[in-house]
């Protein structure tokens, strides 16, 4: 099957095993081998990768901030491409996002900021 990386993967919605939104694909990691075509190894999700797409220094600042949220944070979250299924217009992953660091920033924002907004 032919997949166009930017059109079919990058910035597309991820749906987890519990049928919940799990963010969007913020980056693609390729494996380069001499004499072979590049192979997609991982998709990256999370604020660190997204911020680094905008600016490397901004991405590093977001990584330091993200590291304070929870143990194991501060780095891009990589999902092996073998766990991703293309189901247009979204992508399905065979993991539950709430049990991984993928949703840490969103859950923190809900708990610390959104919960304090009246009528939210």
PDB file of N, CA and C in Angstrom:
ATOM      1  N   UNK A   1       0.843  -1.176   0.000  1.00  0.00           N
ATOM      2  CA  UNK A   1       0.000   0.000   0.000  1.00  0.00           C
ATOM      3  C   UNK A   1       0.888   1.238   0.000  1.00  0.00           C
ATOM      4  N   UNK A   2       0.572   2.167  -0.848  1.00  0.00           N
ATOM      5  CA  UNK A   2       1.336   3.409  -0.947  1.00  0.00           C
ATOM      6  C   UNK A   2       0.727   4.445  -0.019  1.00  0.00           C
ATOM      7  N   UNK A   3       1.564   5.036   0.834  1.00  0.00           N
ATOM      8  CA  UNK A   3       1.106   6.046   1.789  1.00  0.00           C
ATOM      9  C   UNK A   3       1.896   7.327   1.538  1.00  0.00           C
ATOM     10  N   UNK A   4       1.192   8.425   1.377  1.00  0.00           N
ATOM     11  CA  UNK A   4       1.834   9.722   1.249  1.00  0.00           C
ATOM     12  C   UNK A   4       1.997  10.278   2.658  1.00  0.00           C
ATOM     13  N   UNK A   5       3.247  10.402   3.113  1.00  0.00           N
ATOM     14  CA  UNK A   5       3.523  10.717   4.513  1.00  0.00           C
ATOM     15  C   UNK A   5       2.849  11.991   4.991  1.00  0.00           C
ATOM     16  N   UNK A   6       3.013  13.069   4.284  1.00  0.00           N
ATOM     17  CA  UNK A   6       2.463  14.336   4.758  1.00  0.00           C
ATOM     18  C   UNK A   6       0.943  14.311   4.690  1.00  0.00           C
ATOM     19  N   UNK A   7       0.383  13.804   3.613  1.00  0.00           N
ATOM     20  CA  UNK A   7      -1.072  13.798   3.476  1.00  0.00           C
ATOM     21  C   UNK A   7      -1.737  12.773   4.386  1.00  0.00           C
ATOM     22  N   UNK A   8      -1.183  11.567   4.472  1.00  0.00           N
ATOM     23  CA  UNK A   8      -1.846  10.488   5.199  1.00  0.00           C
ATOM     24  C   UNK A   8      -1.451  10.354   6.667  1.00  0.00           C
ATOM     25  N   UNK A   9      -0.316  10.902   7.070  1.00  0.00           N
ATOM     26  CA  UNK A   9       0.122  10.744   8.459  1.00  0.00           C
ATOM     27  C   UNK A   9       0.211  12.058   9.214  1.00  0.00           C
ATOM     28  N   UNK A  10       1.039  12.968   8.750  1.00  0.00           N
ATOM     29  CA  UNK A  10       1.338  14.182   9.494  1.00  0.00           C
ATOM     30  C   UNK A  10       0.088  15.027   9.731  1.00  0.00           C
ATOM     31  N   UNK A  11      -0.115  15.423  10.973  1.00  0.00           N
ATOM     32  CA  UNK A  11      -1.239  16.253  11.419  1.00  0.00           C
ATOM     33  C   UNK A  11      -2.600  15.560  11.359  1.00  0.00           C
ATOM     34  N   UNK A  12      -2.627  14.259  11.160  1.00  0.00           N
ATOM     35  CA  UNK A  12      -3.905  13.540  11.173  1.00  0.00           C
ATOM     36  C   UNK A  12      -4.237  13.087  12.590  1.00  0.00           C
ATOM     37  N   UNK A  13      -5.525  12.984  12.871  1.00  0.00           N
ATOM     38  CA  UNK A  13      -6.037  12.620  14.192  1.00  0.00           C
ATOM     39  C   UNK A  13      -5.735  11.166  14.511  1.00  0.00           C
ATOM     40  N   UNK A  14      -5.286  10.915  15.734  1.00  0.00           N
ATOM     41  CA  UNK A  14      -5.095   9.551  16.232  1.00  0.00           C
ATOM     42  C   UNK A  14      -6.291   9.166  17.087  1.00  0.00           C
ATOM     43  N   UNK A  15      -6.801   7.977  16.876  1.00  0.00           N
ATOM     44  CA  UNK A  15      -7.889   7.417  17.677  1.00  0.00           C
ATOM     45  C   UNK A  15      -7.317   6.198  18.392  1.00  0.00           C
ATOM     46  N   UNK A  16      -7.475   6.148  19.732  1.00  0.00           N
ATOM     47  CA  UNK A  16      -6.872   5.046  20.487  1.00  0.00           C
ATOM     48  C   UNK A  16      -7.785   3.828  20.526  1.00  0.00           C
ATOM     49  N   UNK A  17      -7.347   2.796  21.244  1.00  0.00           N
ATOM     50  CA  UNK A  17      -8.085   1.535  21.335  1.00  0.00           C
ATOM     51  C   UNK A  17      -9.426   1.693  22.035  1.00  0.00           C
ATOM     52  N   UNK A  18      -9.587   2.745  22.851  1.00  0.00           N
ATOM     53  CA  UNK A  18     -10.850   3.013  23.547  1.00  0.00           C
ATOM     54  C   UNK A  18     -11.739   3.942  22.716  1.00  0.00           C
ATOM     55  N   UNK A  19     -11.370   4.171  21.464  1.00  0.00           N
ATOM     56  CA  UNK A  19     -12.122   5.025  20.543  1.00  0.00           C
ATOM     57  C   UNK A  19     -12.163   6.486  20.988  1.00  0.00           C
ATOM     58  N   UNK A  20     -11.115   6.938  21.671  1.00  0.00           N
ATOM     59  CA  UNK A  20     -10.994   8.318  22.121  1.00  0.00           C
ATOM     60  C   UNK A  20      -9.898   9.015  21.309  1.00  0.00           C
ATOM     61  N   UNK A  21     -10.018  10.332  21.183  1.00  0.00           N
ATOM     62  CA  UNK A  21      -8.967  11.091  20.513  1.00  0.00           C
ATOM     63  C   UNK A  21      -7.675  10.978  21.309  1.00  0.00           C
ATOM     64  N   UNK A  22      -6.576  10.777  20.604  1.00  0.00           N
ATOM     65  CA  UNK A  22      -5.274  10.636  21.252  1.00  0.00           C
ATOM     66  C   UNK A  22      -4.284  11.637  20.682  1.00  0.00           C
ATOM     67  N   UNK A  23      -4.772  12.782  20.259  1.00  0.00           N
ATOM     68  CA  UNK A  23      -3.895  13.801  19.707  1.00  0.00           C
ATOM     69  C   UNK A  23      -3.738  13.652  18.213  1.00  0.00           C
ATOM     70  N   UNK A  24      -2.775  14.382  17.700  1.00  0.00           N
ATOM     71  CA  UNK A  24      -2.486  14.338  16.266  1.00  0.00           C
ATOM     72  C   UNK A  24      -1.035  13.966  16.064  1.00  0.00           C
ATOM     73  N   UNK A  25      -0.747  13.414  14.907  1.00  0.00           N
ATOM     74  CA  UNK A  25       0.630  13.058  14.571  1.00  0.00           C
ATOM     75  C   UNK A  25       1.395  14.355  14.349  1.00  0.00           C
ATOM     76  N   UNK A  26       2.388  14.602  15.192  1.00  0.00           N
ATOM     77  CA  UNK A  26       3.168  15.839  15.119  1.00  0.00           C
ATOM     78  C   UNK A  26       4.493  15.648  14.394  1.00  0.00           C
ATOM     79  N   UNK A  27       4.942  14.417  14.257  1.00  0.00           N
ATOM     80  CA  UNK A  27       6.213  14.163  13.591  1.00  0.00           C
ATOM     81  C   UNK A  27       6.307  12.742  13.093  1.00  0.00           C
ATOM     82  N   UNK A  28       7.236  12.527  12.180  1.00  0.00           N
ATOM     83  CA  UNK A  28       7.473  11.210  11.589  1.00  0.00           C
ATOM     84  C   UNK A  28       8.968  10.919  11.707  1.00  0.00           C
ATOM     85  N   UNK A  29       9.309   9.730  12.196  1.00  0.00           N
ATOM     86  CA  UNK A  29      10.713   9.339  12.343  1.00  0.00           C
ATOM     87  C   UNK A  29      11.029   8.292  11.276  1.00  0.00           C
ATOM     88  N   UNK A  30      12.039   8.594  10.467  1.00  0.00           N
ATOM     89  CA  UNK A  30      12.459   7.693   9.399  1.00  0.00           C
ATOM     90  C   UNK A  30      13.751   6.998   9.779  1.00  0.00           C
ATOM     91  N   UNK A  31      13.926   5.787   9.278  1.00  0.00           N
ATOM     92  CA  UNK A  31      15.178   5.044   9.441  1.00  0.00           C
ATOM     93  C   UNK A  31      15.887   5.070   8.098  1.00  0.00           C
ATOM     94  N   UNK A  32      17.141   5.504   8.113  1.00  0.00           N
ATOM     95  CA  UNK A  32      17.926   5.569   6.887  1.00  0.00           C
ATOM     96  C   UNK A  32      18.988   4.486   6.911  1.00  0.00           C
ATOM     97  N   UNK A  33      19.039   3.682   5.865  1.00  0.00           N
ATOM     98  CA  UNK A  33      20.062   2.647   5.715  1.00  0.00           C
ATOM     99  C   UNK A  33      20.726   2.829   4.364  1.00  0.00           C
ATOM    100  N   UNK A  34      22.027   2.620   4.326  1.00  0.00           N
ATOM    101  CA  UNK A  34      22.765   2.803   3.079  1.00  0.00           C
ATOM    102  C   UNK A  34      22.229   1.885   1.986  1.00  0.00           C
ATOM    103  N   UNK A  35      21.951   2.460   0.839  1.00  0.00           N
ATOM    104  CA  UNK A  35      21.498   1.676  -0.309  1.00  0.00           C
ATOM    105  C   UNK A  35      20.042   1.266  -0.270  1.00  0.00           C
ATOM    106  N   UNK A  36      19.284   1.691   0.743  1.00  0.00           N
ATOM    107  CA  UNK A  36      17.873   1.323   0.844  1.00  0.00           C
ATOM    108  C   UNK A  36      17.012   2.571   0.934  1.00  0.00           C
ATOM    109  N   UNK A  37      15.754   2.399   0.601  1.00  0.00           N
ATOM    110  CA  UNK A  37      14.807   3.504   0.717  1.00  0.00           C
ATOM    111  C   UNK A  37      14.531   3.785   2.198  1.00  0.00           C
ATOM    112  N   UNK A  38      14.267   5.035   2.576  1.00  0.00           N
ATOM    113  CA  UNK A  38      13.921   5.343   3.976  1.00  0.00           C
ATOM    114  C   UNK A  38      12.680   4.577   4.407  1.00  0.00           C
ATOM    115  N   UNK A  39      12.667   4.167   5.667  1.00  0.00           N
ATOM    116  CA  UNK A  39      11.513   3.440   6.225  1.00  0.00           C
ATOM    117  C   UNK A  39      10.948   4.226   7.391  1.00  0.00           C
ATOM    118  N   UNK A  40       9.634   4.299   7.471  1.00  0.00           N
ATOM    119  CA  UNK A  40       8.982   4.958   8.608  1.00  0.00           C
ATOM    120  C   UNK A  40       9.065   4.018   9.797  1.00  0.00           C
ATOM    121  N   UNK A  41       9.629   4.500  10.913  1.00  0.00           N
ATOM    122  CA  UNK A  41       9.756   3.677  12.123  1.00  0.00           C
ATOM    123  C   UNK A  41       8.738   4.063  13.186  1.00  0.00           C
ATOM    124  N   UNK A  42       8.541   5.376  13.372  1.00  0.00           N
ATOM    125  CA  UNK A  42       7.661   5.866  14.429  1.00  0.00           C
ATOM    126  C   UNK A  42       6.870   7.070  13.950  1.00  0.00           C
ATOM    127  N   UNK A  43       5.752   7.303  14.626  1.00  0.00           N
ATOM    128  CA  UNK A  43       5.088   8.600  14.555  1.00  0.00           C
ATOM    129  C   UNK A  43       5.284   9.226  15.925  1.00  0.00           C
ATOM    130  N   UNK A  44       5.486  10.534  15.950  1.00  0.00           N
ATOM    131  CA  UNK A  44       5.685  11.245  17.206  1.00  0.00           C
ATOM    132  C   UNK A  44       4.460  12.080  17.528  1.00  0.00           C
ATOM    133  N   UNK A  45       4.126  12.095  18.809  1.00  0.00           N
ATOM    134  CA  UNK A  45       2.954  12.800  19.293  1.00  0.00           C
ATOM    135  C   UNK A  45       3.380  13.644  20.485  1.00  0.00           C
ATOM    136  N   UNK A  46       2.776  14.806  20.644  1.00  0.00           N
ATOM    137  CA  UNK A  46       3.007  15.582  21.851  1.00  0.00           C
ATOM    138  C   UNK A  46       3.502  16.982  21.599  1.00  0.00           C
ATOM    139  N   UNK A  47       3.467  17.774  22.650  1.00  0.00           N
ATOM    140  CA  UNK A  47       3.808  19.183  22.528  1.00  0.00           C
ATOM    141  C   UNK A  47       5.276  19.441  22.194  1.00  0.00           C
ATOM    142  N   UNK A  48       6.168  18.549  22.582  1.00  0.00           N
ATOM    143  CA  UNK A  48       7.588  18.765  22.322  1.00  0.00           C
ATOM    144  C   UNK A  48       7.857  18.727  20.818  1.00  0.00           C
ATOM    145  N   UNK A  49       7.360  17.720  20.144  1.00  0.00           N
ATOM    146  CA  UNK A  49       7.555  17.603  18.699  1.00  0.00           C
ATOM    147  C   UNK A  49       6.880  18.742  17.965  1.00  0.00           C
ATOM    148  N   UNK A  50       5.671  19.069  18.372  1.00  0.00           N
ATOM    149  CA  UNK A  50       4.947  20.160  17.721  1.00  0.00           C
ATOM    150  C   UNK A  50       5.700  21.479  17.873  1.00  0.00           C
ATOM    151  N   UNK A  51       6.191  21.758  19.062  1.00  0.00           N
ATOM    152  CA  UNK A  51       6.933  23.001  19.299  1.00  0.00           C
ATOM    153  C   UNK A  51       8.244  23.019  18.510  1.00  0.00           C
ATOM    154  N   UNK A  52       8.904  21.874  18.393  1.00  0.00           N
ATOM    155  CA  UNK A  52      10.154  21.823  17.633  1.00  0.00           C
ATOM    156  C   UNK A  52       9.932  22.017  16.142  1.00  0.00           C
ATOM    157  N   UNK A  53       8.735  21.696  15.670  1.00  0.00           N
ATOM    158  CA  UNK A  53       8.418  21.977  14.268  1.00  0.00           C
ATOM    159  C   UNK A  53       8.383  23.481  14.019  1.00  0.00           C
ATOM    160  N   UNK A  54       7.997  24.231  15.034  1.00  0.00           N
ATOM    161  CA  UNK A  54       7.938  25.683  14.894  1.00  0.00           C
ATOM    162  C   UNK A  54       9.316  26.321  15.038  1.00  0.00           C
ATOM    163  N   UNK A  55      10.057  25.902  16.082  1.00  0.00           N
ATOM    164  CA  UNK A  55      11.351  26.493  16.361  1.00  0.00           C
ATOM    165  C   UNK A  55      12.086  25.590  17.345  1.00  0.00           C
ATOM    166  N   UNK A  56      13.337  25.270  17.077  1.00  0.00           N
ATOM    167  CA  UNK A  56      14.111  24.349  17.922  1.00  0.00           C
ATOM    168  C   UNK A  56      14.253  24.864  19.354  1.00  0.00           C
ATOM    169  N   UNK A  57      14.547  26.165  19.537  1.00  0.00           N
ATOM    170  CA  UNK A  57      14.691  26.720  20.895  1.00  0.00           C
ATOM    171  C   UNK A  57      13.368  26.671  21.639  1.00  0.00           C
ATOM    172  N   UNK A  58      12.286  27.009  20.957  1.00  0.00           N
ATOM    173  CA  UNK A  58      10.960  26.939  21.574  1.00  0.00           C
ATOM    174  C   UNK A  58      10.650  25.497  21.968  1.00  0.00           C
ATOM    175  N   UNK A  59      11.010  24.559  21.106  1.00  0.00           N
ATOM    176  CA  UNK A  59      10.803  23.141  21.412  1.00  0.00           C
ATOM    177  C   UNK A  59      11.564  22.689  22.635  1.00  0.00           C
ATOM    178  N   UNK A  60      12.795  23.152  22.782  1.00  0.00           N
ATOM    179  CA  UNK A  60      13.588  22.795  23.962  1.00  0.00           C
ATOM    180  C   UNK A  60      12.993  23.391  25.235  1.00  0.00           C
ATOM    181  N   UNK A  61      12.456  24.609  25.143  1.00  0.00           N
ATOM    182  CA  UNK A  61      11.792  25.230  26.291  1.00  0.00           C
ATOM    183  C   UNK A  61      10.544  24.434  26.677  1.00  0.00           C
ATOM    184  N   UNK A  62       9.754  24.026  25.684  1.00  0.00           N
ATOM    185  CA  UNK A  62       8.558  23.222  25.945  1.00  0.00           C
ATOM    186  C   UNK A  62       8.960  21.883  26.561  1.00  0.00           C
ATOM    187  N   UNK A  63      10.060  21.306  26.114  1.00  0.00           N
ATOM    188  CA  UNK A  63      10.529  20.028  26.673  1.00  0.00           C
ATOM    189  C   UNK A  63      10.856  20.164  28.153  1.00  0.00           C
ATOM    190  N   UNK A  64      11.522  21.270  28.534  1.00  0.00           N
ATOM    191  CA  UNK A  64      11.838  21.486  29.956  1.00  0.00           C
ATOM    192  C   UNK A  64      10.560  21.665  30.780  1.00  0.00           C
ATOM    193  N   UNK A  65       9.600  22.393  30.238  1.00  0.00           N
ATOM    194  CA  UNK A  65       8.324  22.593  30.918  1.00  0.00           C
ATOM    195  C   UNK A  65       7.543  21.277  31.018  1.00  0.00           C
ATOM    196  N   UNK A  66       7.543  20.527  29.942  1.00  0.00           N
ATOM    197  CA  UNK A  66       6.824  19.241  29.887  1.00  0.00           C
ATOM    198  C   UNK A  66       7.408  18.238  30.875  1.00  0.00           C
ATOM    199  N   UNK A  67       8.708  18.310  31.105  1.00  0.00           N
ATOM    200  CA  UNK A  67       9.379  17.391  32.026  1.00  0.00           C
ATOM    201  C   UNK A  67       8.858  17.534  33.454  1.00  0.00           C
ATOM    202  N   UNK A  68       8.346  18.719  33.793  1.00  0.00           N
ATOM    203  CA  UNK A  68       7.823  18.968  35.139  1.00  0.00           C
ATOM    204  C   UNK A  68       6.461  18.322  35.377  1.00  0.00           C
ATOM    205  N   UNK A  69       5.758  17.965  34.302  1.00  0.00           N
ATOM    206  CA  UNK A  69       4.398  17.433  34.448  1.00  0.00           C
ATOM    207  C   UNK A  69       4.356  16.033  35.052  1.00  0.00           C
ATOM    208  N   UNK A  70       5.264  15.178  34.608  1.00  0.00           N
ATOM    209  CA  UNK A  70       5.186  13.786  35.031  1.00  0.00           C
ATOM    210  C   UNK A  70       6.504  13.089  34.704  1.00  0.00           C
ATOM    211  N   UNK A  71       6.821  12.080  35.460  1.00  0.00           N
ATOM    212  CA  UNK A  71       8.012  11.276  35.220  1.00  0.00           C
ATOM    213  C   UNK A  71       7.977  10.704  33.802  1.00  0.00           C
ATOM    214  N   UNK A  72       9.103  10.739  33.137  1.00  0.00           N
ATOM    215  CA  UNK A  72       9.188  10.181  31.791  1.00  0.00           C
ATOM    216  C   UNK A  72       8.764  11.140  30.691  1.00  0.00           C
ATOM    217  N   UNK A  73       8.478  12.389  31.037  1.00  0.00           N
ATOM    218  CA  UNK A  73       8.074  13.381  30.041  1.00  0.00           C
ATOM    219  C   UNK A  73       9.283  14.220  29.631  1.00  0.00           C
ATOM    220  N   UNK A  74       9.060  15.176  28.755  1.00  0.00           N
ATOM    221  CA  UNK A  74      10.120  16.061  28.304  1.00  0.00           C
ATOM    222  C   UNK A  74      10.785  15.613  27.027  1.00  0.00           C
ATOM    223  N   UNK A  75      10.292  14.548  26.453  1.00  0.00           N
ATOM    224  CA  UNK A  75      10.824  14.023  25.194  1.00  0.00           C
ATOM    225  C   UNK A  75       9.641  13.681  24.292  1.00  0.00           C
ATOM    226  N   UNK A  76       9.879  13.630  22.999  1.00  0.00           N
ATOM    227  CA  UNK A  76       8.787  13.243  22.108  1.00  0.00           C
ATOM    228  C   UNK A  76       8.256  11.846  22.448  1.00  0.00           C
ATOM    229  N   UNK A  77       6.983  11.664  22.269  1.00  0.00           N
ATOM    230  CA  UNK A  77       6.361  10.364  22.512  1.00  0.00           C
ATOM    231  C   UNK A  77       6.309   9.643  21.177  1.00  0.00           C
ATOM    232  N   UNK A  78       6.976   8.512  21.112  1.00  0.00           N
ATOM    233  CA  UNK A  78       7.069   7.765  19.857  1.00  0.00           C
ATOM    234  C   UNK A  78       6.186   6.537  19.907  1.00  0.00           C
ATOM    235  N   UNK A  79       5.401   6.377  18.848  1.00  0.00           N
ATOM    236  CA  UNK A  79       4.544   5.199  18.690  1.00  0.00           C
ATOM    237  C   UNK A  79       5.064   4.436  17.475  1.00  0.00           C
ATOM    238  N   UNK A  80       5.436   3.160  17.642  1.00  0.00           N
ATOM    239  CA  UNK A  80       5.920   2.392  16.492  1.00  0.00           C
ATOM    240  C   UNK A  80       4.865   2.366  15.384  1.00  0.00           C
ATOM    241  N   UNK A  81       5.307   2.487  14.157  1.00  0.00           N
ATOM    242  CA  UNK A  81       4.384   2.519  13.027  1.00  0.00           C
ATOM    243  C   UNK A  81       3.602   1.207  12.920  1.00  0.00           C
ATOM    244  N   UNK A  82       4.140   0.133  13.480  1.00  0.00           N
ATOM    245  CA  UNK A  82       3.435  -1.156  13.450  1.00  0.00           C
ATOM    246  C   UNK A  82       2.159  -1.129  14.297  1.00  0.00           C
ATOM    247  N   UNK A  83       2.035  -0.158  15.192  1.00  0.00           N
ATOM    248  CA  UNK A  83       0.848  -0.049  16.046  1.00  0.00           C
ATOM    249  C   UNK A  83      -0.167   0.945  15.502  1.00  0.00           C
ATOM    250  N   UNK A  84       0.093   1.484  14.313  1.00  0.00           N
ATOM    251  CA  UNK A  84      -0.765   2.490  13.699  1.00  0.00           C
ATOM    252  C   UNK A  84      -1.434   1.893  12.471  1.00  0.00           C
ATOM    253  N   UNK A  85      -2.745   2.112  12.370  1.00  0.00           N
ATOM    254  CA  UNK A  85      -3.512   1.645  11.216  1.00  0.00           C
ATOM    255  C   UNK A  85      -4.154   2.841  10.543  1.00  0.00           C
ATOM    256  N   UNK A  86      -3.969   2.946   9.246  1.00  0.00           N
ATOM    257  CA  UNK A  86      -4.561   4.034   8.477  1.00  0.00           C
ATOM    258  C   UNK A  86      -6.023   3.707   8.211  1.00  0.00           C
ATOM    259  N   UNK A  87      -6.913   4.541   8.740  1.00  0.00           N
ATOM    260  CA  UNK A  87      -8.352   4.381   8.546  1.00  0.00           C
ATOM    261  C   UNK A  87      -8.888   5.773   8.255  1.00  0.00           C
ATOM    262  N   UNK A  88      -8.773   6.188   7.002  1.00  0.00           N
ATOM    263  CA  UNK A  88      -9.077   7.569   6.610  1.00  0.00           C
ATOM    264  C   UNK A  88     -10.410   8.038   7.166  1.00  0.00           C
ATOM    265  N   UNK A  89     -10.526   9.238   7.641  1.00  0.00           N
ATOM    266  CA  UNK A  89      -9.532  10.305   7.634  1.00  0.00           C
ATOM    267  C   UNK A  89      -8.645  10.301   8.872  1.00  0.00           C
ATOM    268  N   UNK A  90      -8.773   9.329   9.744  1.00  0.00           N
ATOM    269  CA  UNK A  90      -7.961   9.317  10.969  1.00  0.00           C
ATOM    270  C   UNK A  90      -7.061   8.089  10.978  1.00  0.00           C
ATOM    271  N   UNK A  91      -6.255   8.006  12.017  1.00  0.00           N
ATOM    272  CA  UNK A  91      -5.357   6.877  12.222  1.00  0.00           C
ATOM    273  C   UNK A  91      -5.732   6.203  13.532  1.00  0.00           C
ATOM    274  N   UNK A  92      -5.722   4.904  13.555  1.00  0.00           N
ATOM    275  CA  UNK A  92      -6.033   4.166  14.778  1.00  0.00           C
ATOM    276  C   UNK A  92      -4.754   3.582  15.355  1.00  0.00           C
ATOM    277  N   UNK A  93      -4.627   3.673  16.681  1.00  0.00           N
ATOM    278  CA  UNK A  93      -3.498   3.066  17.382  1.00  0.00           C
ATOM    279  C   UNK A  93      -4.049   2.037  18.361  1.00  0.00           C
ATOM    280  N   UNK A  94      -3.291   0.975  18.568  1.00  0.00           N
ATOM    281  CA  UNK A  94      -3.772  -0.110  19.435  1.00  0.00           C
ATOM    282  C   UNK A  94      -3.317   0.060  20.881  1.00  0.00           C
ATOM    283  N   UNK A  95      -3.312   1.296  21.356  1.00  0.00           N
ATOM    284  CA  UNK A  95      -2.993   1.592  22.748  1.00  0.00           C
ATOM    285  C   UNK A  95      -4.108   2.456  23.332  1.00  0.00           C
ATOM    286  N   UNK A  96      -4.211   2.495  24.644  1.00  0.00           N
ATOM    287  CA  UNK A  96      -5.160   3.382  25.316  1.00  0.00           C
ATOM    288  C   UNK A  96      -4.381   4.620  25.757  1.00  0.00           C
ATOM    289  N   UNK A  97      -4.705   5.750  25.174  1.00  0.00           N
ATOM    290  CA  UNK A  97      -3.924   6.979  25.377  1.00  0.00           C
ATOM    291  C   UNK A  97      -3.908   7.445  26.827  1.00  0.00           C
ATOM    292  N   UNK A  98      -4.993   7.256  27.559  1.00  0.00           N
ATOM    293  CA  UNK A  98      -5.052   7.738  28.951  1.00  0.00           C
ATOM    294  C   UNK A  98      -4.063   7.001  29.859  1.00  0.00           C
ATOM    295  N   UNK A  99      -3.589   5.830  29.435  1.00  0.00           N
ATOM    296  CA  UNK A  99      -2.642   5.059  30.241  1.00  0.00           C
ATOM    297  C   UNK A  99      -1.197   5.315  29.826  1.00  0.00           C
ATOM    298  N   UNK A 100      -0.999   6.270  28.937  1.00  0.00           N
ATOM    299  CA  UNK A 100       0.334   6.613  28.460  1.00  0.00           C
ATOM    300  C   UNK A 100       0.587   8.097  28.711  1.00  0.00           C
ATOM    301  N   UNK A 101       1.808   8.567  28.509  1.00  0.00           N
ATOM    302  CA  UNK A 101       2.087   9.999  28.691  1.00  0.00           C
ATOM    303  C   UNK A 101       1.509  10.893  27.597  1.00  0.00           C
ATOM    304  N   UNK A 102       0.880  10.313  26.583  1.00  0.00           N
ATOM    305  CA  UNK A 102       0.353  11.101  25.465  1.00  0.00           C
ATOM    306  C   UNK A 102      -0.590  12.197  25.948  1.00  0.00           C
ATOM    307  N   UNK A 103      -1.444  11.889  26.888  1.00  0.00           N
ATOM    308  CA  UNK A 103      -2.475  12.828  27.317  1.00  0.00           C
ATOM    309  C   UNK A 103      -2.093  13.620  28.566  1.00  0.00           C
ATOM    310  N   UNK A 104      -0.845  13.546  29.016  1.00  0.00           N
ATOM    311  CA  UNK A 104      -0.448  14.189  30.270  1.00  0.00           C
ATOM    312  C   UNK A 104      -0.697  15.696  30.267  1.00  0.00           C
ATOM    313  N   UNK A 105      -0.318  16.378  29.203  1.00  0.00           N
ATOM    314  CA  UNK A 105      -0.508  17.828  29.153  1.00  0.00           C
ATOM    315  C   UNK A 105      -1.989  18.177  29.151  1.00  0.00           C
ATOM    316  N   UNK A 106      -2.772  17.472  28.343  1.00  0.00           N
ATOM    317  CA  UNK A 106      -4.203  17.758  28.292  1.00  0.00           C
ATOM    318  C   UNK A 106      -4.882  17.492  29.632  1.00  0.00           C
ATOM    319  N   UNK A 107      -4.533  16.399  30.292  1.00  0.00           N
ATOM    320  CA  UNK A 107      -5.129  16.094  31.592  1.00  0.00           C
ATOM    321  C   UNK A 107      -4.717  17.134  32.634  1.00  0.00           C
ATOM    322  N   UNK A 108      -3.472  17.591  32.597  1.00  0.00           N
ATOM    323  CA  UNK A 108      -3.013  18.629  33.509  1.00  0.00           C
ATOM    324  C   UNK A 108      -3.780  19.926  33.263  1.00  0.00           C
ATOM    325  N   UNK A 109      -3.937  20.306  32.002  1.00  0.00           N
ATOM    326  CA  UNK A 109      -4.690  21.521  31.679  1.00  0.00           C
ATOM    327  C   UNK A 109      -6.135  21.428  32.171  1.00  0.00           C
ATOM    328  N   UNK A 110      -6.760  20.257  31.985  1.00  0.00           N
ATOM    329  CA  UNK A 110      -8.138  20.073  32.474  1.00  0.00           C
ATOM    330  C   UNK A 110      -8.209  20.243  33.984  1.00  0.00           C
ATOM    331  N   UNK A 111      -7.254  19.618  34.694  1.00  0.00           N
ATOM    332  CA  UNK A 111      -7.279  19.606  36.151  1.00  0.00           C
ATOM    333  C   UNK A 111      -6.932  20.977  36.750  1.00  0.00           C
ATOM    334  N   UNK A 112      -5.931  21.644  36.198  1.00  0.00           N
ATOM    335  CA  UNK A 112      -5.418  22.861  36.805  1.00  0.00           C
ATOM    336  C   UNK A 112      -6.085  24.127  36.281  1.00  0.00           C
ATOM    337  N   UNK A 113      -6.436  24.154  35.012  1.00  0.00           N
ATOM    338  CA  UNK A 113      -6.957  25.396  34.436  1.00  0.00           C
ATOM    339  C   UNK A 113      -8.441  25.310  34.088  1.00  0.00           C
ATOM    340  N   UNK A 114      -8.815  24.357  33.274  1.00  0.00           N
ATOM    341  CA  UNK A 114     -10.205  24.285  32.790  1.00  0.00           C
ATOM    342  C   UNK A 114     -11.191  24.060  33.932  1.00  0.00           C
ATOM    343  N   UNK A 115     -10.806  23.257  34.910  1.00  0.00           N
ATOM    344  CA  UNK A 115     -11.727  22.993  36.025  1.00  0.00           C
ATOM    345  C   UNK A 115     -12.048  24.247  36.836  1.00  0.00           C
ATOM    346  N   UNK A 116     -11.205  25.270  36.741  1.00  0.00           N
ATOM    347  CA  UNK A 116     -11.428  26.518  37.494  1.00  0.00           C
ATOM    348  C   UNK A 116     -12.237  27.546  36.710  1.00  0.00           C
ATOM    349  N   UNK A 117     -12.517  27.254  35.468  1.00  0.00           N
ATOM    350  CA  UNK A 117     -13.296  28.170  34.650  1.00  0.00           C
ATOM    351  C   UNK A 117     -14.778  27.921  34.936  1.00  0.00           C
ATOM    352  N   UNK A 118     -15.523  28.963  35.311  1.00  0.00           N
ATOM    353  CA  UNK A 118     -16.939  28.756  35.598  1.00  0.00           C
ATOM    354  C   UNK A 118     -17.679  28.179  34.387  1.00  0.00           C
ATOM    355  N   UNK A 119     -18.598  27.308  34.644  1.00  0.00           N
ATOM    356  CA  UNK A 119     -19.464  26.648  33.640  1.00  0.00           C
ATOM    357  C   UNK A 119     -18.682  25.791  32.647  1.00  0.00           C
ATOM    358  N   UNK A 120     -17.520  25.310  33.037  1.00  0.00           N
ATOM    359  CA  UNK A 120     -16.777  24.463  32.092  1.00  0.00           C
ATOM    360  C   UNK A 120     -16.949  22.986  32.447  1.00  0.00           C
TER     361      UNK A 120
END
